[in-house]
N, C-alpha and C. Protein backbone atom coordinates (compact mmCIF):
# COMPACT_ATOMS: atom_id res chain seq x y z
N UNK A 1 -6.50 12.47 -28.95
CA UNK A 1 -6.51 13.92 -28.96
C UNK A 1 -7.83 14.40 -28.36
N UNK A 2 -7.77 15.47 -27.62
CA UNK A 2 -8.96 16.06 -27.02
C UNK A 2 -9.83 16.75 -28.04
N UNK A 3 -10.85 17.41 -27.53
CA UNK A 3 -11.82 18.10 -28.38
C UNK A 3 -11.74 19.60 -28.12
N UNK A 4 -12.20 20.38 -29.10
CA UNK A 4 -12.40 21.82 -28.91
C UNK A 4 -13.85 21.97 -28.46
N UNK A 5 -14.03 22.47 -27.23
CA UNK A 5 -15.32 22.43 -26.56
C UNK A 5 -15.73 23.82 -26.10
N UNK A 6 -16.90 24.24 -26.52
CA UNK A 6 -17.52 25.43 -25.93
C UNK A 6 -18.20 24.97 -24.66
N UNK A 7 -17.76 25.46 -23.52
CA UNK A 7 -18.34 25.13 -22.23
C UNK A 7 -18.82 26.44 -21.63
N UNK A 8 -20.16 26.63 -21.57
CA UNK A 8 -20.66 27.95 -21.24
C UNK A 8 -21.96 27.87 -20.45
N UNK A 9 -22.10 28.76 -19.49
CA UNK A 9 -23.38 28.95 -18.80
C UNK A 9 -24.22 29.90 -19.63
N UNK A 10 -25.50 29.55 -19.78
CA UNK A 10 -26.38 30.35 -20.63
C UNK A 10 -27.74 30.46 -19.96
N UNK A 11 -28.33 31.64 -20.06
CA UNK A 11 -29.67 31.85 -19.50
C UNK A 11 -30.70 31.15 -20.37
N UNK A 12 -31.90 30.96 -19.83
CA UNK A 12 -32.97 30.33 -20.61
C UNK A 12 -33.31 31.10 -21.87
N UNK A 13 -33.07 32.42 -21.84
CA UNK A 13 -33.34 33.21 -23.04
C UNK A 13 -32.11 33.37 -23.93
N UNK A 14 -31.07 32.56 -23.70
CA UNK A 14 -29.97 32.44 -24.65
C UNK A 14 -28.81 33.41 -24.50
N UNK A 15 -28.64 34.02 -23.32
CA UNK A 15 -27.55 34.99 -23.14
C UNK A 15 -26.43 34.42 -22.28
N UNK A 16 -25.18 34.71 -22.68
CA UNK A 16 -24.01 34.26 -21.93
C UNK A 16 -23.45 35.35 -21.03
N UNK A 17 -23.98 36.53 -21.13
CA UNK A 17 -23.63 37.66 -20.27
C UNK A 17 -24.83 38.60 -20.27
N UNK A 18 -24.94 39.38 -19.21
CA UNK A 18 -26.02 40.35 -19.14
C UNK A 18 -25.72 41.58 -19.99
N UNK A 19 -26.62 42.53 -20.03
CA UNK A 19 -26.38 43.75 -20.79
C UNK A 19 -25.30 44.61 -20.13
N UNK A 20 -24.74 45.52 -20.90
CA UNK A 20 -23.77 46.50 -20.41
C UNK A 20 -22.47 45.86 -19.91
N UNK A 21 -21.92 44.94 -20.68
CA UNK A 21 -20.62 44.35 -20.35
C UNK A 21 -19.58 45.47 -20.36
N UNK A 22 -18.81 45.54 -19.28
CA UNK A 22 -17.79 46.59 -19.13
C UNK A 22 -16.79 46.14 -18.09
N UNK A 23 -15.72 46.90 -17.93
CA UNK A 23 -14.66 46.52 -17.00
C UNK A 23 -15.19 46.32 -15.58
N UNK A 24 -16.06 47.21 -15.11
CA UNK A 24 -16.59 47.10 -13.75
C UNK A 24 -17.52 45.90 -13.59
N UNK A 25 -18.14 45.45 -14.67
CA UNK A 25 -19.07 44.30 -14.67
C UNK A 25 -18.74 43.43 -15.90
N UNK A 26 -17.67 42.62 -15.83
CA UNK A 26 -17.26 41.84 -17.00
C UNK A 26 -18.31 40.86 -17.51
N UNK A 27 -19.26 40.48 -16.67
CA UNK A 27 -20.34 39.59 -17.09
C UNK A 27 -21.61 40.37 -17.38
N UNK A 28 -21.53 41.69 -17.40
CA UNK A 28 -22.70 42.53 -17.65
C UNK A 28 -23.61 42.59 -16.44
N UNK A 29 -24.63 43.40 -16.52
CA UNK A 29 -25.56 43.57 -15.41
C UNK A 29 -26.32 42.26 -15.16
N UNK A 30 -26.14 41.69 -14.00
CA UNK A 30 -26.81 40.44 -13.63
C UNK A 30 -26.16 39.19 -14.17
N UNK A 31 -25.14 39.31 -14.97
CA UNK A 31 -24.52 38.14 -15.61
C UNK A 31 -23.78 37.21 -14.68
N UNK A 32 -23.29 37.72 -13.55
CA UNK A 32 -22.58 36.85 -12.61
C UNK A 32 -23.49 35.74 -12.09
N UNK A 33 -24.79 35.97 -12.10
CA UNK A 33 -25.73 34.93 -11.63
C UNK A 33 -25.67 33.68 -12.51
N UNK A 34 -25.15 33.81 -13.73
CA UNK A 34 -25.01 32.65 -14.61
C UNK A 34 -24.00 31.64 -14.05
N UNK A 35 -23.11 32.09 -13.20
CA UNK A 35 -22.06 31.20 -12.67
C UNK A 35 -22.29 30.78 -11.23
N UNK A 36 -23.39 31.19 -10.63
CA UNK A 36 -23.65 30.87 -9.22
C UNK A 36 -23.71 29.36 -8.99
N UNK A 37 -24.14 28.59 -9.98
CA UNK A 37 -24.23 27.13 -9.84
C UNK A 37 -22.90 26.49 -9.49
N UNK A 38 -21.80 27.10 -9.88
CA UNK A 38 -20.48 26.52 -9.68
C UNK A 38 -20.12 26.38 -8.19
N UNK A 39 -20.76 27.16 -7.33
CA UNK A 39 -20.50 27.08 -5.89
C UNK A 39 -21.12 25.84 -5.28
N UNK A 40 -22.09 25.22 -5.97
CA UNK A 40 -22.71 24.01 -5.47
C UNK A 40 -23.66 24.21 -4.32
N UNK A 41 -24.13 25.42 -4.13
CA UNK A 41 -24.96 25.71 -2.96
C UNK A 41 -26.46 25.64 -3.23
N UNK A 42 -26.85 25.46 -4.48
CA UNK A 42 -28.27 25.37 -4.81
C UNK A 42 -28.80 23.96 -4.66
N UNK A 43 -30.09 23.75 -4.92
CA UNK A 43 -30.64 22.39 -4.87
C UNK A 43 -29.95 21.52 -5.92
N UNK A 44 -29.50 20.35 -5.52
CA UNK A 44 -28.75 19.49 -6.44
C UNK A 44 -27.31 19.97 -6.63
N UNK A 45 -26.84 20.78 -5.70
CA UNK A 45 -25.51 21.37 -5.81
C UNK A 45 -24.38 20.37 -5.92
N UNK A 46 -24.54 19.19 -5.33
CA UNK A 46 -23.48 18.18 -5.42
C UNK A 46 -23.29 17.73 -6.87
N UNK A 47 -24.36 17.73 -7.65
CA UNK A 47 -24.27 17.40 -9.07
C UNK A 47 -23.49 18.49 -9.80
N UNK A 48 -23.82 19.74 -9.49
CA UNK A 48 -23.13 20.87 -10.12
C UNK A 48 -21.63 20.84 -9.82
N UNK A 49 -21.28 20.55 -8.57
CA UNK A 49 -19.86 20.48 -8.18
C UNK A 49 -19.16 19.37 -8.97
N UNK A 50 -19.82 18.22 -9.11
CA UNK A 50 -19.22 17.12 -9.86
C UNK A 50 -18.99 17.52 -11.33
N UNK A 51 -19.98 18.17 -11.93
CA UNK A 51 -19.84 18.63 -13.32
C UNK A 51 -18.67 19.60 -13.43
N UNK A 52 -18.59 20.54 -12.52
CA UNK A 52 -17.49 21.52 -12.55
C UNK A 52 -16.13 20.83 -12.39
N UNK A 53 -16.05 19.86 -11.51
CA UNK A 53 -14.79 19.13 -11.31
C UNK A 53 -14.40 18.37 -12.59
N UNK A 54 -15.38 17.81 -13.28
CA UNK A 54 -15.11 17.10 -14.54
C UNK A 54 -14.58 18.06 -15.60
N UNK A 55 -15.17 19.23 -15.67
CA UNK A 55 -14.69 20.25 -16.62
C UNK A 55 -13.25 20.63 -16.29
N UNK A 56 -13.01 20.94 -15.03
CA UNK A 56 -11.67 21.36 -14.61
C UNK A 56 -10.62 20.29 -14.89
N UNK A 57 -10.97 19.02 -14.67
CA UNK A 57 -10.02 17.93 -14.88
C UNK A 57 -9.72 17.71 -16.35
N UNK A 58 -10.64 18.07 -17.23
CA UNK A 58 -10.47 17.81 -18.66
C UNK A 58 -9.74 18.91 -19.41
N UNK A 59 -9.62 20.11 -18.85
CA UNK A 59 -9.08 21.24 -19.59
C UNK A 59 -7.55 21.15 -19.72
N UNK A 60 -7.10 21.21 -20.98
CA UNK A 60 -5.67 21.19 -21.26
C UNK A 60 -5.18 22.49 -21.87
N UNK A 61 -6.09 23.27 -22.43
CA UNK A 61 -5.78 24.59 -23.00
C UNK A 61 -7.10 25.33 -23.14
N UNK A 62 -7.00 26.64 -23.33
CA UNK A 62 -8.17 27.49 -23.42
C UNK A 62 -8.02 28.42 -24.62
N UNK A 63 -9.14 28.68 -25.31
CA UNK A 63 -9.18 29.70 -26.36
C UNK A 63 -10.17 30.77 -25.90
N UNK A 64 -9.74 32.02 -25.95
CA UNK A 64 -10.62 33.15 -25.61
C UNK A 64 -10.49 34.21 -26.69
N UNK A 65 -11.50 35.04 -26.79
CA UNK A 65 -11.42 36.19 -27.66
C UNK A 65 -10.69 37.33 -26.96
N UNK A 66 -10.32 38.32 -27.73
CA UNK A 66 -9.56 39.45 -27.17
C UNK A 66 -10.37 40.20 -26.11
N UNK A 67 -11.66 40.40 -26.37
CA UNK A 67 -12.48 41.13 -25.39
C UNK A 67 -12.61 40.34 -24.09
N UNK A 68 -12.81 39.03 -24.20
CA UNK A 68 -12.87 38.19 -23.00
C UNK A 68 -11.56 38.27 -22.24
N UNK A 69 -10.45 38.25 -22.95
CA UNK A 69 -9.14 38.41 -22.30
C UNK A 69 -9.05 39.75 -21.60
N UNK A 70 -9.37 40.83 -22.32
CA UNK A 70 -9.24 42.17 -21.74
C UNK A 70 -10.07 42.33 -20.47
N UNK A 71 -11.28 41.76 -20.47
CA UNK A 71 -12.16 41.89 -19.31
C UNK A 71 -11.88 40.86 -18.23
N UNK A 72 -11.32 39.71 -18.59
CA UNK A 72 -11.17 38.62 -17.65
C UNK A 72 -9.84 38.50 -16.96
N UNK A 73 -8.78 39.03 -17.55
CA UNK A 73 -7.45 38.79 -16.99
C UNK A 73 -7.33 39.30 -15.55
N UNK A 74 -7.95 40.41 -15.23
CA UNK A 74 -7.91 40.91 -13.86
C UNK A 74 -8.65 40.03 -12.89
N UNK A 75 -9.94 39.76 -13.13
CA UNK A 75 -10.68 38.90 -12.21
C UNK A 75 -10.12 37.48 -12.10
N UNK A 76 -9.57 36.94 -13.19
CA UNK A 76 -9.01 35.59 -13.14
C UNK A 76 -7.72 35.55 -12.33
N UNK A 77 -6.99 36.66 -12.26
CA UNK A 77 -5.69 36.65 -11.60
C UNK A 77 -4.64 35.95 -12.44
N UNK A 78 -4.82 35.93 -13.74
CA UNK A 78 -3.94 35.22 -14.67
C UNK A 78 -4.80 34.50 -15.67
N UNK A 79 -4.40 33.29 -16.06
CA UNK A 79 -5.19 32.52 -17.01
C UNK A 79 -6.45 31.98 -16.32
N UNK A 80 -7.50 31.65 -17.10
CA UNK A 80 -8.75 31.19 -16.49
C UNK A 80 -8.57 29.94 -15.61
N UNK A 81 -7.66 29.04 -15.97
CA UNK A 81 -7.31 27.89 -15.14
C UNK A 81 -5.82 28.02 -14.84
N UNK A 82 -5.44 28.06 -13.57
CA UNK A 82 -4.04 28.25 -13.19
C UNK A 82 -3.10 27.27 -13.90
N UNK A 83 -2.07 27.84 -14.51
CA UNK A 83 -1.06 27.03 -15.16
C UNK A 83 -1.42 26.50 -16.54
N UNK A 84 -2.65 26.72 -16.99
CA UNK A 84 -3.10 26.20 -18.29
C UNK A 84 -2.90 27.27 -19.36
N UNK A 85 -2.27 26.92 -20.49
CA UNK A 85 -2.05 27.92 -21.54
C UNK A 85 -3.38 28.40 -22.13
N UNK A 86 -3.44 29.70 -22.40
CA UNK A 86 -4.64 30.32 -22.95
C UNK A 86 -4.27 31.04 -24.24
N UNK A 87 -4.99 30.72 -25.30
CA UNK A 87 -4.72 31.27 -26.62
C UNK A 87 -5.77 32.33 -26.92
N UNK A 88 -5.31 33.55 -27.09
CA UNK A 88 -6.19 34.70 -27.28
C UNK A 88 -6.33 34.97 -28.77
N UNK A 89 -7.56 34.86 -29.28
CA UNK A 89 -7.82 35.12 -30.70
C UNK A 89 -7.91 36.63 -30.89
N UNK A 90 -7.01 37.16 -31.73
CA UNK A 90 -6.95 38.60 -31.91
C UNK A 90 -6.26 38.95 -33.21
N UNK A 91 -6.60 40.14 -33.71
CA UNK A 91 -5.86 40.71 -34.84
C UNK A 91 -4.73 41.58 -34.33
N UNK A 92 -4.76 41.89 -33.04
CA UNK A 92 -3.72 42.72 -32.40
C UNK A 92 -2.78 41.81 -31.62
N UNK A 93 -1.95 41.07 -32.36
CA UNK A 93 -1.05 40.14 -31.69
C UNK A 93 0.00 40.91 -30.88
N UNK A 94 0.56 40.22 -29.92
CA UNK A 94 1.60 40.80 -29.08
C UNK A 94 2.46 39.66 -28.56
N UNK A 95 3.50 39.99 -27.84
CA UNK A 95 4.36 38.96 -27.27
C UNK A 95 3.57 38.13 -26.26
N UNK A 96 3.95 36.86 -26.14
CA UNK A 96 3.34 36.01 -25.12
C UNK A 96 3.47 36.67 -23.76
N UNK A 97 2.52 36.36 -22.87
CA UNK A 97 2.50 37.00 -21.56
C UNK A 97 2.26 35.92 -20.50
N UNK A 98 3.11 35.87 -19.49
CA UNK A 98 2.94 34.93 -18.40
C UNK A 98 1.92 35.49 -17.42
N UNK A 99 0.85 34.73 -17.15
CA UNK A 99 -0.16 35.15 -16.20
C UNK A 99 0.35 35.02 -14.77
N UNK A 100 -0.25 35.75 -13.87
CA UNK A 100 0.17 35.76 -12.47
C UNK A 100 0.02 34.39 -11.82
N UNK A 101 -0.80 33.49 -12.40
CA UNK A 101 -1.01 32.17 -11.82
C UNK A 101 -0.26 31.06 -12.55
N UNK A 102 0.72 31.44 -13.37
CA UNK A 102 1.58 30.45 -14.01
C UNK A 102 1.18 30.01 -15.39
N UNK A 103 0.05 30.46 -15.90
CA UNK A 103 -0.37 30.10 -17.25
C UNK A 103 0.13 31.12 -18.27
N UNK A 104 0.42 30.67 -19.46
CA UNK A 104 0.90 31.55 -20.52
C UNK A 104 -0.26 31.99 -21.40
N UNK A 105 -0.29 33.28 -21.72
CA UNK A 105 -1.22 33.82 -22.71
C UNK A 105 -0.47 33.91 -24.03
N UNK A 106 -1.06 33.36 -25.10
CA UNK A 106 -0.47 33.39 -26.43
C UNK A 106 -1.48 34.09 -27.34
N UNK A 107 -1.03 35.05 -28.14
CA UNK A 107 -1.91 35.87 -28.97
C UNK A 107 -1.73 35.49 -30.43
N UNK A 108 -2.85 35.16 -31.11
CA UNK A 108 -2.76 34.70 -32.49
C UNK A 108 -4.11 34.83 -33.19
N UNK A 109 -4.15 34.53 -34.47
CA UNK A 109 -5.40 34.51 -35.23
C UNK A 109 -6.20 33.25 -34.93
N UNK A 110 -7.41 33.17 -35.43
CA UNK A 110 -8.34 32.10 -35.10
C UNK A 110 -7.78 30.70 -35.41
N UNK A 111 -7.41 30.46 -36.65
CA UNK A 111 -6.96 29.12 -37.04
C UNK A 111 -5.67 28.73 -36.33
N UNK A 112 -4.73 29.64 -36.25
CA UNK A 112 -3.47 29.34 -35.57
C UNK A 112 -3.68 29.11 -34.08
N UNK A 113 -4.55 29.90 -33.46
CA UNK A 113 -4.83 29.72 -32.03
C UNK A 113 -5.45 28.35 -31.78
N UNK A 114 -6.39 27.95 -32.63
CA UNK A 114 -7.04 26.64 -32.47
C UNK A 114 -6.02 25.51 -32.63
N UNK A 115 -5.19 25.59 -33.65
CA UNK A 115 -4.19 24.55 -33.89
C UNK A 115 -3.20 24.47 -32.73
N UNK A 116 -2.71 25.62 -32.29
CA UNK A 116 -1.73 25.64 -31.20
C UNK A 116 -2.34 25.19 -29.88
N UNK A 117 -3.61 25.54 -29.64
CA UNK A 117 -4.28 25.12 -28.41
C UNK A 117 -4.45 23.60 -28.40
N UNK A 118 -4.84 23.02 -29.53
CA UNK A 118 -4.99 21.57 -29.61
C UNK A 118 -3.66 20.87 -29.35
N UNK A 119 -2.58 21.40 -29.92
CA UNK A 119 -1.25 20.83 -29.68
C UNK A 119 -0.89 20.90 -28.19
N UNK A 120 -1.16 22.04 -27.59
CA UNK A 120 -0.82 22.24 -26.17
C UNK A 120 -1.65 21.36 -25.26
N UNK A 121 -2.90 21.12 -25.63
CA UNK A 121 -3.81 20.34 -24.78
C UNK A 121 -3.51 18.85 -24.79
N UNK A 122 -2.88 18.37 -25.85
CA UNK A 122 -2.60 16.94 -25.94
C UNK A 122 -3.89 16.13 -25.94
N UNK A 123 -4.03 15.20 -24.98
CA UNK A 123 -5.23 14.36 -24.88
C UNK A 123 -6.37 15.03 -24.14
N UNK A 124 -6.13 16.19 -23.59
CA UNK A 124 -7.18 16.91 -22.86
C UNK A 124 -7.95 17.82 -23.81
N UNK A 125 -8.98 18.45 -23.28
CA UNK A 125 -9.84 19.32 -24.10
C UNK A 125 -9.32 20.75 -24.16
N UNK A 126 -9.70 21.41 -25.25
CA UNK A 126 -9.50 22.85 -25.40
C UNK A 126 -10.85 23.49 -25.08
N UNK A 127 -10.90 24.30 -24.04
CA UNK A 127 -12.16 24.96 -23.69
C UNK A 127 -12.20 26.34 -24.33
N UNK A 128 -13.36 26.69 -24.84
CA UNK A 128 -13.58 27.97 -25.51
C UNK A 128 -14.40 28.86 -24.60
N UNK A 129 -13.93 30.08 -24.38
CA UNK A 129 -14.64 31.09 -23.60
C UNK A 129 -14.90 32.29 -24.50
N UNK A 130 -16.13 32.78 -24.47
CA UNK A 130 -16.49 33.94 -25.27
C UNK A 130 -17.39 33.56 -26.43
N UNK A 131 -18.59 34.14 -26.44
CA UNK A 131 -19.59 33.78 -27.45
C UNK A 131 -19.13 34.09 -28.87
N UNK A 132 -18.53 35.23 -29.08
CA UNK A 132 -18.13 35.59 -30.44
C UNK A 132 -17.05 34.64 -30.96
N UNK A 133 -16.09 34.32 -30.14
CA UNK A 133 -15.04 33.39 -30.55
C UNK A 133 -15.62 32.01 -30.80
N UNK A 134 -16.57 31.58 -29.97
CA UNK A 134 -17.23 30.29 -30.18
C UNK A 134 -17.95 30.28 -31.52
N UNK A 135 -18.63 31.37 -31.84
CA UNK A 135 -19.33 31.45 -33.13
C UNK A 135 -18.35 31.37 -34.29
N UNK A 136 -17.22 32.05 -34.17
CA UNK A 136 -16.21 32.02 -35.24
C UNK A 136 -15.66 30.60 -35.42
N UNK A 137 -15.39 29.91 -34.31
CA UNK A 137 -14.89 28.54 -34.40
C UNK A 137 -15.94 27.61 -35.01
N UNK A 138 -17.21 27.81 -34.67
CA UNK A 138 -18.28 27.01 -35.23
C UNK A 138 -18.36 27.19 -36.75
N UNK A 139 -18.36 28.43 -37.20
CA UNK A 139 -18.45 28.74 -38.63
C UNK A 139 -17.24 28.18 -39.38
N UNK A 140 -16.07 28.19 -38.75
CA UNK A 140 -14.85 27.69 -39.38
C UNK A 140 -14.74 26.17 -39.34
N UNK A 141 -15.71 25.49 -38.69
CA UNK A 141 -15.66 24.04 -38.59
C UNK A 141 -14.65 23.53 -37.59
N UNK A 142 -14.28 24.36 -36.61
CA UNK A 142 -13.24 24.01 -35.65
C UNK A 142 -13.78 23.67 -34.27
N UNK A 143 -15.09 23.68 -34.09
CA UNK A 143 -15.69 23.40 -32.79
C UNK A 143 -16.24 21.98 -32.80
N UNK A 144 -15.84 21.16 -31.82
CA UNK A 144 -16.24 19.76 -31.78
C UNK A 144 -17.45 19.49 -30.90
N UNK A 145 -17.59 20.25 -29.83
CA UNK A 145 -18.63 19.95 -28.86
C UNK A 145 -19.13 21.24 -28.21
N UNK A 146 -20.40 21.22 -27.83
CA UNK A 146 -21.02 22.34 -27.11
C UNK A 146 -21.55 21.78 -25.80
N UNK A 147 -21.08 22.34 -24.69
CA UNK A 147 -21.58 21.97 -23.37
C UNK A 147 -22.24 23.20 -22.78
N UNK A 148 -23.53 23.06 -22.54
CA UNK A 148 -24.31 24.17 -22.01
C UNK A 148 -24.69 23.89 -20.56
N UNK A 149 -24.57 24.90 -19.74
CA UNK A 149 -25.07 24.86 -18.37
C UNK A 149 -26.25 25.82 -18.39
N UNK A 150 -27.45 25.25 -18.56
CA UNK A 150 -28.67 26.02 -18.76
C UNK A 150 -29.20 26.50 -17.41
N UNK A 151 -29.12 27.81 -17.21
CA UNK A 151 -29.44 28.44 -15.93
C UNK A 151 -30.89 28.94 -15.96
N UNK A 152 -31.70 28.58 -14.95
CA UNK A 152 -33.09 29.03 -14.93
C UNK A 152 -33.19 30.50 -14.56
N UNK A 153 -32.87 31.31 -15.54
CA UNK A 153 -32.80 32.76 -15.36
C UNK A 153 -33.11 33.40 -16.70
N UNK A 154 -33.88 34.46 -16.68
CA UNK A 154 -34.13 35.25 -17.89
C UNK A 154 -33.43 36.59 -17.71
N UNK A 155 -32.42 36.83 -18.52
CA UNK A 155 -31.67 38.10 -18.44
C UNK A 155 -32.35 39.20 -19.24
N UNK A 156 -33.12 38.85 -20.26
CA UNK A 156 -33.84 39.84 -21.05
C UNK A 156 -33.02 40.51 -22.12
N UNK A 157 -31.72 40.58 -21.94
CA UNK A 157 -30.82 41.21 -22.91
C UNK A 157 -29.40 40.80 -22.53
N UNK A 158 -28.47 41.07 -23.42
CA UNK A 158 -27.08 40.76 -23.14
C UNK A 158 -26.37 40.23 -24.36
N UNK A 159 -25.40 39.35 -24.13
CA UNK A 159 -24.62 38.76 -25.20
C UNK A 159 -25.25 37.43 -25.60
N UNK A 160 -25.80 37.34 -26.83
CA UNK A 160 -26.42 36.08 -27.24
C UNK A 160 -25.35 35.02 -27.50
N UNK A 161 -25.68 33.78 -27.16
CA UNK A 161 -24.74 32.69 -27.41
C UNK A 161 -24.53 32.52 -28.90
N UNK A 162 -25.61 32.39 -29.65
CA UNK A 162 -25.52 32.27 -31.09
C UNK A 162 -26.29 33.40 -31.73
N UNK A 163 -25.88 33.78 -32.93
CA UNK A 163 -26.49 34.93 -33.59
C UNK A 163 -26.71 34.64 -35.07
N UNK A 164 -27.47 33.58 -35.36
CA UNK A 164 -27.79 33.26 -36.74
C UNK A 164 -26.97 32.14 -37.34
N UNK A 165 -25.98 31.61 -36.62
CA UNK A 165 -25.19 30.50 -37.14
C UNK A 165 -26.09 29.27 -37.24
N UNK A 166 -25.75 28.39 -38.19
CA UNK A 166 -26.55 27.19 -38.39
C UNK A 166 -25.62 25.98 -38.43
N UNK A 167 -26.01 24.95 -37.71
CA UNK A 167 -25.33 23.67 -37.77
C UNK A 167 -26.23 22.63 -37.12
N UNK A 168 -25.87 21.38 -37.27
CA UNK A 168 -26.62 20.32 -36.62
C UNK A 168 -25.81 19.80 -35.45
N UNK A 169 -26.51 19.53 -34.34
CA UNK A 169 -25.89 19.00 -33.14
C UNK A 169 -26.55 17.67 -32.80
N UNK A 170 -25.82 16.79 -32.12
CA UNK A 170 -26.39 15.54 -31.65
C UNK A 170 -25.98 15.35 -30.19
N UNK A 171 -26.87 14.80 -29.37
CA UNK A 171 -26.52 14.63 -27.96
C UNK A 171 -25.23 13.82 -27.78
N UNK A 172 -24.41 14.26 -26.83
CA UNK A 172 -23.16 13.57 -26.52
C UNK A 172 -23.23 12.97 -25.13
N UNK A 173 -24.41 12.84 -24.61
CA UNK A 173 -24.64 12.28 -23.29
C UNK A 173 -25.99 12.74 -22.80
N UNK A 174 -26.50 12.11 -21.76
CA UNK A 174 -27.81 12.50 -21.24
C UNK A 174 -27.73 13.82 -20.48
N UNK A 175 -28.83 14.55 -20.42
CA UNK A 175 -28.86 15.76 -19.57
C UNK A 175 -28.60 15.38 -18.12
N UNK A 176 -27.91 16.24 -17.42
CA UNK A 176 -27.64 16.05 -15.99
C UNK A 176 -28.19 17.28 -15.29
N UNK A 177 -28.97 17.06 -14.24
CA UNK A 177 -29.62 18.19 -13.59
C UNK A 177 -29.19 18.33 -12.14
N UNK A 178 -28.71 19.52 -11.82
CA UNK A 178 -28.44 19.93 -10.46
C UNK A 178 -29.31 21.15 -10.22
N UNK A 179 -28.69 22.26 -9.84
CA UNK A 179 -29.47 23.50 -9.75
C UNK A 179 -29.65 24.12 -11.13
N UNK A 180 -28.85 23.65 -12.10
CA UNK A 180 -28.99 24.01 -13.51
C UNK A 180 -28.99 22.70 -14.30
N UNK A 181 -29.33 22.77 -15.57
CA UNK A 181 -29.32 21.58 -16.42
C UNK A 181 -28.07 21.62 -17.29
N UNK A 182 -27.29 20.55 -17.22
CA UNK A 182 -26.03 20.45 -17.96
C UNK A 182 -26.27 19.59 -19.20
N UNK A 183 -26.00 20.17 -20.36
CA UNK A 183 -26.26 19.51 -21.65
C UNK A 183 -24.97 19.40 -22.45
N UNK A 184 -24.83 18.32 -23.20
CA UNK A 184 -23.65 18.11 -24.04
C UNK A 184 -24.10 17.72 -25.44
N UNK A 185 -23.50 18.37 -26.45
CA UNK A 185 -23.82 18.07 -27.85
C UNK A 185 -22.54 17.99 -28.67
N UNK A 186 -22.49 17.03 -29.57
CA UNK A 186 -21.42 16.98 -30.58
C UNK A 186 -21.85 17.82 -31.76
N UNK A 187 -20.91 18.56 -32.31
CA UNK A 187 -21.18 19.36 -33.51
C UNK A 187 -20.99 18.48 -34.71
N UNK A 188 -22.00 18.43 -35.57
CA UNK A 188 -21.92 17.65 -36.81
C UNK A 188 -21.52 18.61 -37.91
N UNK A 189 -20.25 18.66 -38.22
CA UNK A 189 -19.75 19.55 -39.28
C UNK A 189 -20.13 18.96 -40.62
N UNK A 190 -21.11 19.61 -41.26
CA UNK A 190 -21.60 19.09 -42.54
C UNK A 190 -21.06 19.88 -43.70
């Protein structure tokens, strides 16, 4: 069985999106720079491309929060990974929705979404998008791994990755450095 994995780009000052997240700027002011490494055009870009390809190959399902869904469905053109089921954590459930790229959106509560995503992913990983949803999964003991793409950028404000949650992490592999530093940690649910 795969793992439930938070895979997120984060600024050196701990933000996953810039300030003023809104429909016109779903990553907030300056937040799109957190994902520039994915193009592989920076120093060590071949490493970044390899990391991105490994992430893409491992994803079997996705969990997102309602706000991430509301802001992301347009730019994604459907589900975040074409054809991959995406489970939207929400209190405002609705009928399943087929994304324009062939992936199904399923709306459910936190525990049910996590369970259903794991079932759908099979041996692949469940990727988590959205800081608040990641925090909820961590607190509920449902998050297995944290993969950070540490971007050499100071946003100064925005959406913090963590906001007072406490847990112990242990390295799940050595740091890998391209234009950003890629880190992996196992969550030790105590």
